[in-house]
Protein backbone atom coordinates (compact mmCIF):
# COMPACT_ATOMS: atom_id res chain seq x y z
CA UNK A 1 58.20 -73.94 55.65
CA UNK A 2 55.43 -72.75 53.36
CA UNK A 3 52.34 -70.93 54.67
CA UNK A 4 48.98 -70.36 53.02
CA UNK A 5 47.43 -67.01 52.18
CA UNK A 6 44.95 -67.25 55.05
CA UNK A 7 47.52 -68.04 57.71
CA UNK A 8 46.97 -66.17 60.92
CA UNK A 9 50.07 -64.03 60.39
CA UNK A 10 49.75 -61.11 58.00
CA UNK A 11 51.35 -61.78 54.62
CA UNK A 12 51.73 -58.06 54.07
CA UNK A 13 53.99 -57.92 57.08
CA UNK A 14 56.51 -60.19 55.37
CA UNK A 15 56.20 -58.44 52.02
CA UNK A 16 57.10 -55.08 53.52
CA UNK A 17 60.36 -56.37 55.02
CA UNK A 18 63.72 -56.11 53.29
CA UNK A 19 64.39 -59.85 53.30
CA UNK A 20 61.58 -62.12 52.12
CA UNK A 21 62.68 -65.02 54.34
CA UNK A 22 61.27 -64.43 57.80
CA UNK A 23 61.01 -66.45 60.97
CA UNK A 24 57.82 -67.99 62.29
CA UNK A 25 57.72 -69.16 65.89
CA UNK A 26 55.57 -72.04 67.10
CA UNK A 27 55.14 -72.90 70.77
CA UNK A 28 58.56 -74.53 71.16
CA UNK A 29 60.12 -74.56 67.71
CA UNK A 30 61.33 -72.11 65.14
CA UNK A 31 60.72 -72.30 61.39
CA UNK A 32 61.78 -70.16 58.44
CA UNK A 33 59.11 -69.07 55.99
CA UNK A 34 60.45 -69.54 52.48
CA UNK A 35 57.29 -69.00 50.47
CA UNK A 36 53.56 -68.28 50.44
CA UNK A 37 51.10 -70.58 48.68
CA UNK A 38 48.61 -69.17 46.23
CA UNK A 39 45.02 -68.90 47.37
CA UNK A 40 42.77 -71.82 46.37
CA UNK A 41 39.51 -70.56 47.88
CA UNK A 42 36.89 -72.83 49.37
CA UNK A 43 35.32 -76.16 48.43
CA UNK A 44 31.98 -77.09 50.04
CA UNK A 45 32.44 -74.30 52.56
CA UNK A 46 35.87 -75.47 53.75
CA UNK A 47 38.90 -73.24 53.26
CA UNK A 48 41.92 -74.70 51.50
CA UNK A 49 44.19 -71.82 52.49
CA UNK A 50 44.48 -72.23 56.25
CA UNK A 51 47.55 -74.47 56.42
CA UNK A 52 51.32 -74.57 56.79
CA UNK A 53 53.75 -77.06 55.24
CA UNK A 54 56.92 -78.32 56.93
CA UNK A 55 59.31 -81.18 56.03
CA UNK A 56 58.06 -84.56 57.21
CA UNK A 57 61.40 -85.43 58.78
CA UNK A 58 61.29 -82.24 60.83
CA UNK A 59 57.71 -82.96 61.89
CA UNK A 60 58.66 -86.47 63.02
CA UNK A 61 61.68 -85.16 64.89
CA UNK A 62 59.53 -82.67 66.80
CA UNK A 63 56.28 -84.54 67.34
CA UNK A 64 57.45 -88.16 67.05
CA UNK A 65 56.52 -90.98 64.69
CA UNK A 66 54.11 -92.94 66.90
CA UNK A 67 50.35 -92.43 66.66
CA UNK A 68 50.75 -90.31 63.53
CA UNK A 69 48.94 -90.79 60.24
CA UNK A 70 50.37 -89.69 56.90
CA UNK A 71 48.49 -88.94 53.68
CA UNK A 72 50.38 -89.27 50.41
CA UNK A 73 48.77 -87.75 47.30
CA UNK A 74 49.60 -89.46 44.00
CA UNK A 75 48.26 -88.61 40.54
CA UNK A 76 48.27 -91.11 37.69
CA UNK A 77 49.62 -89.84 34.33
CA UNK A 78 46.37 -90.76 32.58
CA UNK A 79 43.12 -92.66 33.01
CA UNK A 80 44.56 -95.63 31.14
CA UNK A 81 47.38 -96.05 33.67
CA UNK A 82 45.19 -95.50 36.74
CA UNK A 83 44.70 -99.19 37.63
CA UNK A 84 48.37 -99.98 37.11
CA UNK A 85 49.30 -96.98 39.25
CA UNK A 86 47.07 -98.19 42.10
CA UNK A 87 48.58 -101.68 41.90
CA UNK A 88 52.12 -100.31 41.97
CA UNK A 89 51.36 -98.06 44.92
CA UNK A 90 49.76 -100.95 46.80
CA UNK A 91 52.79 -103.16 46.17
CA UNK A 92 55.24 -100.47 47.28
CA UNK A 93 53.26 -99.67 50.43
CA UNK A 94 53.01 -103.34 51.39
CA UNK A 95 56.79 -103.66 51.09
CA UNK A 96 57.42 -100.46 53.07
CA UNK A 97 55.01 -101.49 55.85
CA UNK A 98 56.25 -105.10 55.91
CA UNK A 99 52.88 -106.64 55.10
CA UNK A 100 53.31 -110.37 54.59
CA UNK A 101 51.73 -112.18 51.61
CA UNK A 102 48.15 -113.16 52.35
CA UNK A 103 47.67 -110.51 55.03
CA UNK A 104 45.30 -107.58 54.65
CA UNK A 105 46.65 -104.12 54.00
CA UNK A 106 47.33 -102.07 57.11
CA UNK A 107 46.82 -98.89 55.11
CA UNK A 108 44.00 -97.40 53.02
CA UNK A 109 43.89 -96.04 49.49
CA UNK A 110 41.32 -93.38 48.69
CA UNK A 111 40.42 -92.58 45.09
CA UNK A 112 37.71 -90.71 43.24
CA UNK A 113 35.70 -93.92 42.98
CA UNK A 114 35.87 -94.56 46.72
CA UNK A 115 34.91 -90.97 47.46
CA UNK A 116 31.99 -91.20 45.04
CA UNK A 117 30.77 -94.43 46.64
CA UNK A 118 31.06 -92.86 50.08
CA UNK A 119 29.08 -89.83 48.95
CA UNK A 120 26.46 -92.06 47.32
CA UNK A 121 26.06 -94.16 50.46
CA UNK A 122 25.65 -90.95 52.45
CA UNK A 123 23.21 -89.29 50.06
CA UNK A 124 20.99 -92.32 49.45
CA UNK A 125 18.96 -91.40 52.52
CA UNK A 126 18.38 -87.95 51.05
CA UNK A 127 17.14 -89.66 47.89
CA UNK A 128 14.68 -91.72 49.92
CA UNK A 129 13.53 -88.59 51.70
CA UNK A 130 13.16 -86.71 48.41
CA UNK A 131 11.12 -89.57 46.97
CA UNK A 132 8.80 -89.61 49.99
CA UNK A 133 8.39 -85.83 49.85
CA UNK A 134 7.65 -86.08 46.11
CA UNK A 135 4.98 -88.68 46.80
CA UNK A 136 3.36 -86.45 49.41
CA UNK A 137 3.53 -83.51 46.98
CA UNK A 138 1.82 -85.53 44.22
CA UNK A 139 -0.85 -86.71 46.63
CA UNK A 140 -1.49 -83.16 47.82
CA UNK A 141 -1.59 -81.93 44.21
CA UNK A 142 -4.12 -84.63 43.30
CA UNK A 143 -6.33 -83.69 46.24
CA UNK A 144 -6.04 -80.03 45.25
CA UNK A 145 -7.09 -80.73 41.67
CA UNK A 146 -9.99 -82.84 42.91
CA UNK A 147 -11.21 -80.00 45.11
CA UNK A 148 -10.83 -77.49 42.27
CA UNK A 149 -12.88 -79.67 39.92
CA UNK A 150 -15.50 -80.21 42.64
CA UNK A 151 -15.82 -76.46 43.07
CA UNK A 152 -15.96 -76.07 39.29
CA UNK A 153 -18.81 -78.58 39.03
CA UNK A 154 -20.66 -76.93 41.93
CA UNK A 155 -20.37 -73.45 40.39
CA UNK A 156 -21.42 -74.68 36.95
CA UNK A 157 -24.59 -76.45 38.06
CA UNK A 158 -26.75 -74.19 35.91
CA UNK A 159 -24.60 -74.90 32.84
CA UNK A 160 -24.88 -78.62 33.46
CA UNK A 161 -28.65 -78.36 33.90
CA UNK A 162 -29.06 -76.39 30.66
CA UNK A 163 -26.91 -78.86 28.70
CA UNK A 164 -28.90 -81.82 30.03
CA UNK A 165 -32.13 -79.99 29.24
CA UNK A 166 -31.18 -79.67 25.58
CA UNK A 167 -30.21 -83.32 25.34
CA UNK A 168 -26.62 -83.65 26.56
CA UNK A 169 -25.80 -87.03 28.08
CA UNK A 170 -24.19 -87.49 31.48
CA UNK A 171 -21.18 -89.24 29.90
CA UNK A 172 -20.59 -86.26 27.64
CA UNK A 173 -20.61 -83.85 30.57
CA UNK A 174 -18.35 -86.19 32.55
CA UNK A 175 -15.91 -86.37 29.65
CA UNK A 176 -15.83 -82.58 29.45
CA UNK A 177 -14.80 -82.20 33.09
CA UNK A 178 -12.27 -85.01 32.81
CA UNK A 179 -10.66 -83.36 29.78
CA UNK A 180 -10.52 -80.06 31.65
CA UNK A 181 -8.82 -81.81 34.60
CA UNK A 182 -6.29 -83.51 32.30
CA UNK A 183 -5.46 -80.23 30.55
CA UNK A 184 -5.04 -78.52 33.92
CA UNK A 185 -2.66 -81.30 35.09
CA UNK A 186 -0.67 -81.19 31.86
CA UNK A 187 -0.20 -77.43 32.04
CA UNK A 188 0.85 -77.58 35.69
CA UNK A 189 3.21 -80.52 35.07
CA UNK A 190 4.84 -78.83 32.05
CA UNK A 191 5.33 -75.62 34.03
CA UNK A 192 6.86 -77.59 36.91
CA UNK A 193 9.24 -79.46 34.60
CA UNK A 194 10.41 -76.28 32.89
CA UNK A 195 10.92 -74.53 36.21
CA UNK A 196 12.80 -77.53 37.63
CA UNK A 197 15.12 -77.75 34.60
CA UNK A 198 15.88 -74.03 34.72
CA UNK A 199 16.48 -74.05 38.47
CA UNK A 200 18.69 -77.16 38.26
CA UNK A 201 20.77 -75.75 35.40
CA UNK A 202 21.23 -72.40 37.14
CA UNK A 203 22.29 -74.15 40.34
CA UNK A 204 24.71 -76.36 38.39
CA UNK A 205 26.25 -73.35 36.65
CA UNK A 206 26.63 -71.57 39.98
CA UNK A 207 28.29 -74.57 41.66
CA UNK A 208 30.56 -75.13 38.65
CA UNK A 209 31.82 -71.54 38.76
CA UNK A 210 32.15 -71.77 42.53
CA UNK A 211 34.31 -74.91 42.34
CA UNK A 212 36.39 -73.58 39.43
CA UNK A 213 37.07 -70.36 41.34
CA UNK A 214 38.08 -72.41 44.38
CA UNK A 215 40.48 -74.54 42.33
């Protein structure tokens, strides 16, 4: 059998022995360790190193064949041959499992596309929540800007009075405060966009290095 680098037994214990093939005992059965898998790290917080590999025939002899599920990993030679590979695998599995023509498959095939669709169906609720939170944030920001401009008008009452005294029209004063509000919104929006792009890129770089280290 093969064991991973995070197996509960100490790898150093086997490396210090004279013979590199050692014996690992389970509850009722005995296996020989013939190798140690290289560490793959973690993906999405789940360790890929806490496992042990034994021959499938030995597993079936010990634990039986009934009520057991088996996962078979297959990689297509290229993207161009992916569809043909899936069709061939489906045909072979239907023959092995004695599925008659016209009957549905009694097995499942998982691919990157199916995983992506599953993730999208799971994360769509987060998208709805993010959209609702964004709407609330925009509404709160609009109310905040309105209050700021109200305070600005209140504090600049003397300025407004002087300008009207020397002939300024109400529309001119209104346009001045509207332009100030627009400039304030534009500056805040540009700062938010720049900060969001930088934060998103930094998070993407971090996750990319994290996944590459795990692989």
